[in-house]
Amino acid sequence: MAKTRLNTEEAFKSIMGKTAEPSARKTESEKMVKEKFMQTAFYITKKQHRALKIKAALGDNPEEKDQSSIVRAALNAYLADTLTTLQ
């Protein structure tokens, strides 16, 4: 009985959730915005921190569970007039 050789590339793609055909499924990096993010620290109150945790816990989609995404959306809403004048 001959042993079948393990195809390491196919095993890696299977583990990583990628299919053999690239057009069959988009990867997460293709779905993300092409804009680069900059790490910045801001100080928030305990109430704001609790609200942020609750908002993330109640989210259904992955982007609604990401706290950075929630803060970016809030900043975009707050700075909407400034952002439109810059573009």
N, C-alpha and C. Protein backbone atom coordinates (compact mmCIF):
# COMPACT_ATOMS: atom_id res chain seq x y z
N MET A 1 0.84 -1.17 0.00
CA MET A 1 0.00 0.00 0.00
C MET A 1 0.89 1.24 0.00
N ALA A 2 0.68 2.09 -0.98
CA ALA A 2 1.50 3.30 -1.12
C ALA A 2 0.91 4.43 -0.29
N LYS A 3 1.79 5.15 0.39
CA LYS A 3 1.35 6.30 1.17
C LYS A 3 1.17 7.50 0.24
N THR A 4 0.14 8.27 0.51
CA THR A 4 -0.03 9.50 -0.27
C THR A 4 0.75 10.61 0.40
N ARG A 5 1.45 11.37 -0.39
CA ARG A 5 2.29 12.44 0.14
C ARG A 5 1.44 13.67 0.45
N LEU A 6 1.69 14.29 1.57
CA LEU A 6 0.96 15.47 2.01
C LEU A 6 1.41 16.68 1.19
N ASN A 7 0.47 17.35 0.58
CA ASN A 7 0.76 18.58 -0.15
C ASN A 7 0.74 19.72 0.87
N THR A 8 1.92 20.22 1.23
CA THR A 8 2.02 21.22 2.29
C THR A 8 1.34 22.53 1.91
N GLU A 9 1.39 22.90 0.64
CA GLU A 9 0.77 24.15 0.21
C GLU A 9 -0.75 24.08 0.36
N GLU A 10 -1.34 22.97 -0.03
CA GLU A 10 -2.79 22.79 0.11
C GLU A 10 -3.19 22.72 1.58
N ALA A 11 -2.37 22.07 2.41
CA ALA A 11 -2.66 21.99 3.84
C ALA A 11 -2.61 23.38 4.47
N PHE A 12 -1.62 24.18 4.08
CA PHE A 12 -1.51 25.54 4.61
C PHE A 12 -2.72 26.38 4.20
N LYS A 13 -3.10 26.28 2.93
CA LYS A 13 -4.26 27.03 2.44
C LYS A 13 -5.53 26.60 3.17
N SER A 14 -5.65 25.31 3.45
CA SER A 14 -6.82 24.81 4.15
C SER A 14 -6.87 25.34 5.58
N ILE A 15 -5.74 25.35 6.25
CA ILE A 15 -5.68 25.85 7.63
C ILE A 15 -5.96 27.34 7.68
N MET A 16 -5.41 28.09 6.74
CA MET A 16 -5.58 29.54 6.72
C MET A 16 -6.93 29.97 6.17
N GLY A 17 -7.72 29.03 5.66
CA GLY A 17 -9.04 29.35 5.17
C GLY A 17 -9.05 29.87 3.75
N LYS A 18 -8.00 29.62 3.00
CA LYS A 18 -7.93 30.06 1.62
C LYS A 18 -8.21 28.87 0.71
N THR A 19 -8.88 29.14 -0.39
CA THR A 19 -9.14 28.09 -1.35
C THR A 19 -8.08 28.11 -2.43
N ALA A 20 -8.07 27.10 -3.26
CA ALA A 20 -7.08 27.01 -4.33
C ALA A 20 -7.30 28.08 -5.38
N GLU A 21 -8.57 28.46 -5.59
CA GLU A 21 -8.86 29.51 -6.57
C GLU A 21 -8.95 30.85 -5.85
N PRO A 22 -8.10 31.81 -6.21
CA PRO A 22 -8.13 33.10 -5.52
C PRO A 22 -9.42 33.87 -5.74
N SER A 23 -10.11 33.65 -6.85
CA SER A 23 -11.32 34.40 -7.11
C SER A 23 -12.52 33.85 -6.34
N ALA A 24 -12.38 32.67 -5.75
CA ALA A 24 -13.49 32.05 -5.06
C ALA A 24 -13.82 32.75 -3.74
N ARG A 25 -12.80 33.29 -3.09
CA ARG A 25 -13.04 33.91 -1.79
C ARG A 25 -12.06 35.05 -1.58
N LYS A 26 -12.56 36.21 -1.13
CA LYS A 26 -11.69 37.34 -0.86
C LYS A 26 -11.08 37.20 0.52
N THR A 27 -9.85 37.63 0.66
CA THR A 27 -9.21 37.58 1.97
C THR A 27 -9.59 38.83 2.75
N GLU A 28 -9.33 38.80 4.04
CA GLU A 28 -9.66 39.93 4.89
C GLU A 28 -8.91 41.19 4.49
N SER A 29 -7.67 41.04 4.05
CA SER A 29 -6.90 42.23 3.68
C SER A 29 -7.48 42.93 2.47
N GLU A 30 -8.12 42.19 1.57
CA GLU A 30 -8.75 42.80 0.41
C GLU A 30 -10.02 43.54 0.80
N LYS A 31 -10.68 43.07 1.86
CA LYS A 31 -11.90 43.72 2.31
C LYS A 31 -11.62 45.01 3.08
N MET A 32 -10.46 45.07 3.72
CA MET A 32 -10.14 46.24 4.52
C MET A 32 -9.86 47.45 3.64
N VAL A 33 -10.04 48.59 4.21
CA VAL A 33 -9.80 49.83 3.49
C VAL A 33 -8.30 49.95 3.21
N LYS A 34 -7.96 50.50 2.07
CA LYS A 34 -6.56 50.62 1.67
C LYS A 34 -5.82 51.71 2.45
N GLU A 35 -6.54 52.42 3.29
CA GLU A 35 -5.94 53.49 4.07
C GLU A 35 -5.10 52.92 5.21
N LYS A 36 -3.94 53.52 5.45
CA LYS A 36 -3.08 53.07 6.54
C LYS A 36 -3.55 53.70 7.85
N PHE A 37 -3.46 52.94 8.91
CA PHE A 37 -3.86 53.43 10.22
C PHE A 37 -2.64 53.89 11.00
N MET A 38 -2.85 54.87 11.86
CA MET A 38 -1.79 55.43 12.67
C MET A 38 -2.15 55.19 14.14
N GLN A 39 -1.22 54.64 14.89
CA GLN A 39 -1.48 54.38 16.30
C GLN A 39 -1.38 55.67 17.09
N THR A 40 -2.43 55.96 17.83
CA THR A 40 -2.50 57.17 18.64
C THR A 40 -3.18 56.82 19.96
N ALA A 41 -2.76 57.45 21.03
CA ALA A 41 -3.37 57.20 22.34
C ALA A 41 -4.20 58.40 22.75
N PHE A 42 -5.42 58.14 23.21
CA PHE A 42 -6.30 59.17 23.75
C PHE A 42 -6.77 58.71 25.12
N TYR A 43 -7.07 59.65 25.96
CA TYR A 43 -7.57 59.33 27.29
C TYR A 43 -9.08 59.51 27.29
N ILE A 44 -9.78 58.51 27.86
CA ILE A 44 -11.23 58.56 27.94
C ILE A 44 -11.64 58.32 29.38
N THR A 45 -12.89 58.69 29.69
CA THR A 45 -13.39 58.51 31.05
C THR A 45 -13.82 57.06 31.26
N LYS A 46 -14.10 56.71 32.51
CA LYS A 46 -14.55 55.35 32.81
C LYS A 46 -15.91 55.08 32.17
N LYS A 47 -16.78 56.09 32.14
CA LYS A 47 -18.09 55.91 31.50
C LYS A 47 -17.93 55.67 30.00
N GLN A 48 -17.04 56.41 29.37
CA GLN A 48 -16.79 56.22 27.94
C GLN A 48 -16.21 54.84 27.67
N HIS A 49 -15.32 54.40 28.54
CA HIS A 49 -14.71 53.07 28.39
C HIS A 49 -15.77 51.98 28.53
N ARG A 50 -16.66 52.13 29.51
CA ARG A 50 -17.73 51.16 29.70
C ARG A 50 -18.67 51.15 28.49
N ALA A 51 -19.02 52.33 27.99
CA ALA A 51 -19.90 52.42 26.82
C ALA A 51 -19.25 51.78 25.59
N LEU A 52 -17.95 51.97 25.44
CA LEU A 52 -17.22 51.37 24.32
C LEU A 52 -17.23 49.85 24.42
N LYS A 53 -17.04 49.31 25.62
CA LYS A 53 -17.07 47.86 25.83
C LYS A 53 -18.46 47.30 25.54
N ILE A 54 -19.51 48.01 25.98
CA ILE A 54 -20.88 47.56 25.74
C ILE A 54 -21.20 47.59 24.26
N LYS A 55 -20.81 48.68 23.58
CA LYS A 55 -21.05 48.81 22.14
C LYS A 55 -20.37 47.68 21.38
N ALA A 56 -19.14 47.33 21.77
CA ALA A 56 -18.42 46.23 21.11
C ALA A 56 -19.08 44.89 21.40
N ALA A 57 -19.57 44.70 22.61
CA ALA A 57 -20.20 43.43 22.99
C ALA A 57 -21.52 43.22 22.27
N LEU A 58 -22.23 44.30 21.98
CA LEU A 58 -23.54 44.19 21.34
C LEU A 58 -23.45 44.11 19.82
N GLY A 59 -22.27 44.29 19.25
CA GLY A 59 -22.12 44.27 17.80
C GLY A 59 -22.30 42.88 17.21
N ASP A 60 -22.88 42.84 16.01
CA ASP A 60 -23.08 41.56 15.32
C ASP A 60 -21.95 41.27 14.35
N ASN A 61 -21.49 42.27 13.62
CA ASN A 61 -20.44 42.10 12.62
C ASN A 61 -19.07 42.25 13.25
N PRO A 62 -18.03 41.67 12.64
CA PRO A 62 -16.68 41.81 13.20
C PRO A 62 -16.23 43.27 13.33
N GLU A 63 -16.61 44.12 12.36
CA GLU A 63 -16.19 45.53 12.45
C GLU A 63 -16.93 46.26 13.56
N GLU A 64 -18.09 45.74 13.99
CA GLU A 64 -18.80 46.33 15.11
C GLU A 64 -18.23 45.88 16.45
N LYS A 65 -17.45 44.82 16.46
CA LYS A 65 -16.82 44.32 17.68
C LYS A 65 -15.42 44.90 17.89
N ASP A 66 -14.86 45.50 16.87
CA ASP A 66 -13.53 46.09 16.96
C ASP A 66 -13.64 47.48 17.60
N GLN A 67 -13.01 47.65 18.75
CA GLN A 67 -13.13 48.91 19.47
C GLN A 67 -12.51 50.07 18.70
N SER A 68 -11.42 49.81 17.99
CA SER A 68 -10.80 50.87 17.20
C SER A 68 -11.74 51.33 16.09
N SER A 69 -12.45 50.40 15.49
CA SER A 69 -13.40 50.73 14.45
C SER A 69 -14.54 51.58 15.00
N ILE A 70 -15.01 51.26 16.20
CA ILE A 70 -16.08 52.03 16.83
C ILE A 70 -15.62 53.46 17.09
N VAL A 71 -14.40 53.61 17.60
CA VAL A 71 -13.87 54.94 17.89
C VAL A 71 -13.66 55.73 16.60
N ARG A 72 -13.15 55.07 15.55
CA ARG A 72 -12.97 55.76 14.26
C ARG A 72 -14.30 56.25 13.71
N ALA A 73 -15.34 55.42 13.81
CA ALA A 73 -16.66 55.83 13.33
C ALA A 73 -17.20 57.02 14.12
N ALA A 74 -16.99 57.00 15.43
CA ALA A 74 -17.44 58.12 16.26
C ALA A 74 -16.66 59.40 15.93
N LEU A 75 -15.35 59.27 15.71
CA LEU A 75 -14.55 60.44 15.34
C LEU A 75 -14.95 60.96 13.97
N ASN A 76 -15.24 60.07 13.04
CA ASN A 76 -15.68 60.50 11.71
C ASN A 76 -16.99 61.26 11.79
N ALA A 77 -17.92 60.79 12.63
CA ALA A 77 -19.20 61.49 12.80
C ALA A 77 -18.99 62.84 13.46
N TYR A 78 -18.11 62.90 14.45
CA TYR A 78 -17.86 64.14 15.17
C TYR A 78 -17.12 65.16 14.29
N LEU A 79 -16.20 64.68 13.48
CA LEU A 79 -15.39 65.56 12.65
C LEU A 79 -15.83 65.58 11.18
N ALA A 80 -17.09 65.26 10.92
CA ALA A 80 -17.58 65.14 9.54
C ALA A 80 -17.37 66.42 8.74
N ASP A 81 -17.67 67.57 9.32
CA ASP A 81 -17.51 68.82 8.59
C ASP A 81 -16.04 69.11 8.27
N THR A 82 -15.16 68.75 9.18
CA THR A 82 -13.73 68.96 8.95
C THR A 82 -13.20 68.01 7.87
N LEU A 83 -13.65 66.77 7.92
CA LEU A 83 -13.19 65.77 6.96
C LEU A 83 -13.64 66.10 5.54
N THR A 84 -14.85 66.65 5.37
CA THR A 84 -15.35 66.97 4.04
C THR A 84 -14.61 68.15 3.44
N THR A 85 -14.17 69.09 4.26
CA THR A 85 -13.44 70.24 3.73
C THR A 85 -12.01 69.88 3.34
N LEU A 86 -11.46 68.82 3.94
CA LEU A 86 -10.09 68.42 3.65
C LEU A 86 -10.00 67.62 2.34
N GLN A 87 -11.09 67.05 1.89
CA GLN A 87 -11.03 66.20 0.71
C GLN A 87 -11.23 66.95 -0.54
